[in-house]
Amino acid sequence: MKRFIIASIAYMTTGTGVYHIFFGDSVPYGLLILMIGLLGILSDVFYKKLNTE
């Protein structure tokens, strides 16, 4: 359940970052949010290799 919650937050953060980059005015802010979200998605994809459960 913990992994599901973290993954859902990561995907929502990535979506917010994409919105800010393409449709918002604050590109550096959107880029920072997008990078944090993508790191969360990568940790979700490679959770077995990173031993994070």
PDB file of N, CA and C in Angstrom:
ATOM      1  N   MET A   1       0.815  -1.184   0.000  1.00  0.00           N
ATOM      2  CA  MET A   1       0.000   0.000   0.000  1.00  0.00           C
ATOM      3  C   MET A   1       0.868   1.260   0.000  1.00  0.00           C
ATOM      4  N   LYS A   2       1.992   1.192   0.736  1.00  0.00           N
ATOM      5  CA  LYS A   2       2.886   2.339   0.797  1.00  0.00           C
ATOM      6  C   LYS A   2       3.458   2.651  -0.582  1.00  0.00           C
ATOM      7  N   ARG A   3       3.829   1.622  -1.311  1.00  0.00           N
ATOM      8  CA  ARG A   3       4.384   1.814  -2.654  1.00  0.00           C
ATOM      9  C   ARG A   3       3.353   2.427  -3.594  1.00  0.00           C
ATOM     10  N   PHE A   4       2.099   2.015  -3.465  1.00  0.00           N
ATOM     11  CA  PHE A   4       1.027   2.564  -4.296  1.00  0.00           C
ATOM     12  C   PHE A   4       0.827   4.052  -4.030  1.00  0.00           C
ATOM     13  N   ILE A   5       0.864   4.446  -2.780  1.00  0.00           N
ATOM     14  CA  ILE A   5       0.679   5.855  -2.421  1.00  0.00           C
ATOM     15  C   ILE A   5       1.832   6.693  -2.961  1.00  0.00           C
ATOM     16  N   ILE A   6       3.054   6.214  -2.786  1.00  0.00           N
ATOM     17  CA  ILE A   6       4.229   6.951  -3.279  1.00  0.00           C
ATOM     18  C   ILE A   6       4.205   7.041  -4.797  1.00  0.00           C
ATOM     19  N   ALA A   7       3.822   5.953  -5.469  1.00  0.00           N
ATOM     20  CA  ALA A   7       3.756   5.968  -6.928  1.00  0.00           C
ATOM     21  C   ALA A   7       2.682   6.925  -7.423  1.00  0.00           C
ATOM     22  N   SER A   8       1.534   6.959  -6.758  1.00  0.00           N
ATOM     23  CA  SER A   8       0.479   7.865  -7.204  1.00  0.00           C
ATOM     24  C   SER A   8       0.884   9.322  -7.010  1.00  0.00           C
ATOM     25  N   ILE A   9       1.583   9.620  -5.933  1.00  0.00           N
ATOM     26  CA  ILE A   9       2.087  10.985  -5.727  1.00  0.00           C
ATOM     27  C   ILE A   9       3.115  11.339  -6.794  1.00  0.00           C
ATOM     28  N   ALA A  10       3.975  10.384  -7.149  1.00  0.00           N
ATOM     29  CA  ALA A  10       4.987  10.638  -8.176  1.00  0.00           C
ATOM     30  C   ALA A  10       4.343  10.905  -9.536  1.00  0.00           C
ATOM     31  N   TYR A  11       3.322  10.136  -9.890  1.00  0.00           N
ATOM     32  CA  TYR A  11       2.667  10.345 -11.176  1.00  0.00           C
ATOM     33  C   TYR A  11       1.897  11.667 -11.212  1.00  0.00           C
ATOM     34  N   MET A  12       1.274  12.041 -10.101  1.00  0.00           N
ATOM     35  CA  MET A  12       0.575  13.328 -10.057  1.00  0.00           C
ATOM     36  C   MET A  12       1.563  14.489 -10.119  1.00  0.00           C
ATOM     37  N   THR A  13       2.705  14.339  -9.467  1.00  0.00           N
ATOM     38  CA  THR A  13       3.733  15.378  -9.501  1.00  0.00           C
ATOM     39  C   THR A  13       4.281  15.543 -10.912  1.00  0.00           C
ATOM     40  N   THR A  14       4.471  14.452 -11.613  1.00  0.00           N
ATOM     41  CA  THR A  14       4.941  14.524 -12.990  1.00  0.00           C
ATOM     42  C   THR A  14       3.914  15.221 -13.875  1.00  0.00           C
ATOM     43  N   GLY A  15       2.661  14.904 -13.689  1.00  0.00           N
ATOM     44  CA  GLY A  15       1.614  15.568 -14.459  1.00  0.00           C
ATOM     45  C   GLY A  15       1.562  17.057 -14.194  1.00  0.00           C
ATOM     46  N   THR A  16       1.743  17.447 -12.951  1.00  0.00           N
ATOM     47  CA  THR A  16       1.766  18.868 -12.611  1.00  0.00           C
ATOM     48  C   THR A  16       2.961  19.556 -13.252  1.00  0.00           C
ATOM     49  N   GLY A  17       4.114  18.891 -13.244  1.00  0.00           N
ATOM     50  CA  GLY A  17       5.307  19.459 -13.873  1.00  0.00           C
ATOM     51  C   GLY A  17       5.149  19.614 -15.373  1.00  0.00           C
ATOM     52  N   VAL A  18       4.541  18.636 -16.016  1.00  0.00           N
ATOM     53  CA  VAL A  18       4.299  18.729 -17.462  1.00  0.00           C
ATOM     54  C   VAL A  18       3.354  19.886 -17.760  1.00  0.00           C
ATOM     55  N   TYR A  19       2.338  20.049 -16.935  1.00  0.00           N
ATOM     56  CA  TYR A  19       1.398  21.154 -17.130  1.00  0.00           C
ATOM     57  C   TYR A  19       2.123  22.494 -17.001  1.00  0.00           C
ATOM     58  N   HIS A  20       2.952  22.644 -15.984  1.00  0.00           N
ATOM     59  CA  HIS A  20       3.648  23.914 -15.773  1.00  0.00           C
ATOM     60  C   HIS A  20       4.655  24.205 -16.883  1.00  0.00           C
ATOM     61  N   ILE A  21       5.275  23.175 -17.435  1.00  0.00           N
ATOM     62  CA  ILE A  21       6.251  23.404 -18.504  1.00  0.00           C
ATOM     63  C   ILE A  21       5.560  23.821 -19.797  1.00  0.00           C
ATOM     64  N   PHE A  22       4.492  23.109 -20.174  1.00  0.00           N
ATOM     65  CA  PHE A  22       3.881  23.362 -21.474  1.00  0.00           C
ATOM     66  C   PHE A  22       2.801  24.445 -21.462  1.00  0.00           C
ATOM     67  N   PHE A  23       2.096  24.619 -20.343  1.00  0.00           N
ATOM     68  CA  PHE A  23       0.976  25.548 -20.326  1.00  0.00           C
ATOM     69  C   PHE A  23       1.127  26.676 -19.310  1.00  0.00           C
ATOM     70  N   GLY A  24       2.123  26.584 -18.439  1.00  0.00           N
ATOM     71  CA  GLY A  24       2.298  27.597 -17.409  1.00  0.00           C
ATOM     72  C   GLY A  24       3.356  28.609 -17.784  1.00  0.00           C
ATOM     73  N   ASP A  25       3.509  29.598 -16.940  1.00  0.00           N
ATOM     74  CA  ASP A  25       4.488  30.644 -17.192  1.00  0.00           C
ATOM     75  C   ASP A  25       5.827  30.363 -16.515  1.00  0.00           C
ATOM     76  N   SER A  26       5.818  29.565 -15.475  1.00  0.00           N
ATOM     77  CA  SER A  26       7.024  29.348 -14.688  1.00  0.00           C
ATOM     78  C   SER A  26       7.735  28.077 -15.146  1.00  0.00           C
ATOM     79  N   VAL A  27       8.642  28.213 -16.090  1.00  0.00           N
ATOM     80  CA  VAL A  27       9.340  27.049 -16.641  1.00  0.00           C
ATOM     81  C   VAL A  27      10.333  26.448 -15.645  1.00  0.00           C
ATOM     82  N   PRO A  28      11.160  27.224 -14.922  1.00  0.00           N
ATOM     83  CA  PRO A  28      12.085  26.586 -13.972  1.00  0.00           C
ATOM     84  C   PRO A  28      11.353  25.831 -12.856  1.00  0.00           C
ATOM     85  N   TYR A  29      10.257  26.413 -12.378  1.00  0.00           N
ATOM     86  CA  TYR A  29       9.457  25.765 -11.347  1.00  0.00           C
ATOM     87  C   TYR A  29       8.864  24.459 -11.890  1.00  0.00           C
ATOM     88  N   GLY A  30       8.333  24.490 -13.078  1.00  0.00           N
ATOM     89  CA  GLY A  30       7.763  23.292 -13.695  1.00  0.00           C
ATOM     90  C   GLY A  30       8.805  22.236 -13.962  1.00  0.00           C
ATOM     91  N   LEU A  31       9.995  22.664 -14.357  1.00  0.00           N
ATOM     92  CA  LEU A  31      11.083  21.712 -14.613  1.00  0.00           C
ATOM     93  C   LEU A  31      11.512  21.022 -13.326  1.00  0.00           C
ATOM     94  N   LEU A  32      11.569  21.770 -12.241  1.00  0.00           N
ATOM     95  CA  LEU A  32      11.923  21.175 -10.952  1.00  0.00           C
ATOM     96  C   LEU A  32      10.877  20.159 -10.513  1.00  0.00           C
ATOM     97  N   ILE A  33       9.618  20.508 -10.647  1.00  0.00           N
ATOM     98  CA  ILE A  33       8.541  19.581 -10.275  1.00  0.00           C
ATOM     99  C   ILE A  33       8.565  18.346 -11.167  1.00  0.00           C
ATOM    100  N   LEU A  34       8.802  18.539 -12.462  1.00  0.00           N
ATOM    101  CA  LEU A  34       8.863  17.411 -13.390  1.00  0.00           C
ATOM    102  C   LEU A  34      10.006  16.472 -13.035  1.00  0.00           C
ATOM    103  N   MET A  35      11.162  17.009 -12.703  1.00  0.00           N
ATOM    104  CA  MET A  35      12.307  16.162 -12.363  1.00  0.00           C
ATOM    105  C   MET A  35      12.049  15.365 -11.080  1.00  0.00           C
ATOM    106  N   ILE A  36      11.426  15.989 -10.100  1.00  0.00           N
ATOM    107  CA  ILE A  36      11.098  15.266  -8.861  1.00  0.00           C
ATOM    108  C   ILE A  36      10.103  14.146  -9.160  1.00  0.00           C
ATOM    109  N   GLY A  37       9.111  14.421  -9.993  1.00  0.00           N
ATOM    110  CA  GLY A  37       8.137  13.397 -10.356  1.00  0.00           C
ATOM    111  C   GLY A  37       8.758  12.254 -11.144  1.00  0.00           C
ATOM    112  N   LEU A  38       9.660  12.592 -12.057  1.00  0.00           N
ATOM    113  CA  LEU A  38      10.320  11.538 -12.844  1.00  0.00           C
ATOM    114  C   LEU A  38      11.224  10.672 -11.976  1.00  0.00           C
ATOM    115  N   LEU A  39      11.869  11.266 -10.989  1.00  0.00           N
ATOM    116  CA  LEU A  39      12.660  10.459 -10.053  1.00  0.00           C
ATOM    117  C   LEU A  39      11.766   9.503  -9.274  1.00  0.00           C
ATOM    118  N   GLY A  40      10.591   9.965  -8.899  1.00  0.00           N
ATOM    119  CA  GLY A  40       9.643   9.094  -8.209  1.00  0.00           C
ATOM    120  C   GLY A  40       9.159   7.960  -9.091  1.00  0.00           C
ATOM    121  N   ILE A  41       8.919   8.260 -10.357  1.00  0.00           N
ATOM    122  CA  ILE A  41       8.487   7.210 -11.291  1.00  0.00           C
ATOM    123  C   ILE A  41       9.605   6.204 -11.522  1.00  0.00           C
ATOM    124  N   LEU A  42      10.833   6.678 -11.666  1.00  0.00           N
ATOM    125  CA  LEU A  42      11.957   5.752 -11.831  1.00  0.00           C
ATOM    126  C   LEU A  42      12.129   4.865 -10.610  1.00  0.00           C
ATOM    127  N   SER A  43      11.942   5.414  -9.419  1.00  0.00           N
ATOM    128  CA  SER A  43      12.047   4.579  -8.223  1.00  0.00           C
ATOM    129  C   SER A  43      10.901   3.569  -8.164  1.00  0.00           C
ATOM    130  N   ASP A  44       9.739   3.914  -8.724  1.00  0.00           N
ATOM    131  CA  ASP A  44       8.623   2.972  -8.775  1.00  0.00           C
ATOM    132  C   ASP A  44       8.893   1.859  -9.778  1.00  0.00           C
ATOM    133  N   VAL A  45       9.479   2.217 -10.902  1.00  0.00           N
ATOM    134  CA  VAL A  45       9.750   1.219 -11.939  1.00  0.00           C
ATOM    135  C   VAL A  45      10.847   0.250 -11.496  1.00  0.00           C
ATOM    136  N   PHE A  46      11.873   0.770 -10.855  1.00  0.00           N
ATOM    137  CA  PHE A  46      13.022  -0.055 -10.469  1.00  0.00           C
ATOM    138  C   PHE A  46      13.043  -0.354  -8.974  1.00  0.00           C
ATOM    139  N   TYR A  47      11.877  -0.525  -8.361  1.00  0.00           N
ATOM    140  CA  TYR A  47      11.829  -0.718  -6.917  1.00  0.00           C
ATOM    141  C   TYR A  47      12.467  -2.029  -6.484  1.00  0.00           C
ATOM    142  N   LYS A  48      12.437  -3.051  -7.316  1.00  0.00           N
ATOM    143  CA  LYS A  48      13.052  -4.331  -6.924  1.00  0.00           C
ATOM    144  C   LYS A  48      14.575  -4.231  -6.939  1.00  0.00           C
ATOM    145  N   LYS A  49      15.130  -3.526  -7.922  1.00  0.00           N
ATOM    146  CA  LYS A  49      16.588  -3.388  -7.977  1.00  0.00           C
ATOM    147  C   LYS A  49      17.094  -2.441  -6.894  1.00  0.00           C
ATOM    148  N   LEU A  50      16.270  -1.476  -6.473  1.00  0.00           N
ATOM    149  CA  LEU A  50      16.676  -0.530  -5.443  1.00  0.00           C
ATOM    150  C   LEU A  50      16.364  -1.026  -4.037  1.00  0.00           C
ATOM    151  N   ASN A  51      15.659  -2.157  -3.922  1.00  0.00           N
ATOM    152  CA  ASN A  51      15.262  -2.742  -2.643  1.00  0.00           C
ATOM    153  C   ASN A  51      14.480  -1.758  -1.785  1.00  0.00           C
ATOM    154  N   THR A  52      13.522  -1.085  -2.390  1.00  0.00           N
ATOM    155  CA  THR A  52      12.669  -0.168  -1.640  1.00  0.00           C
ATOM    156  C   THR A  52      11.245  -0.707  -1.633  1.00  0.00           C
ATOM    157  N   GLU A  53      10.851  -1.289  -0.538  1.00  0.00           N
ATOM    158  CA  GLU A  53       9.480  -1.810  -0.402  1.00  0.00           C
ATOM    159  C   GLU A  53       8.868  -1.349   0.861  1.00  0.00           C
TER     160      GLU A  53
END
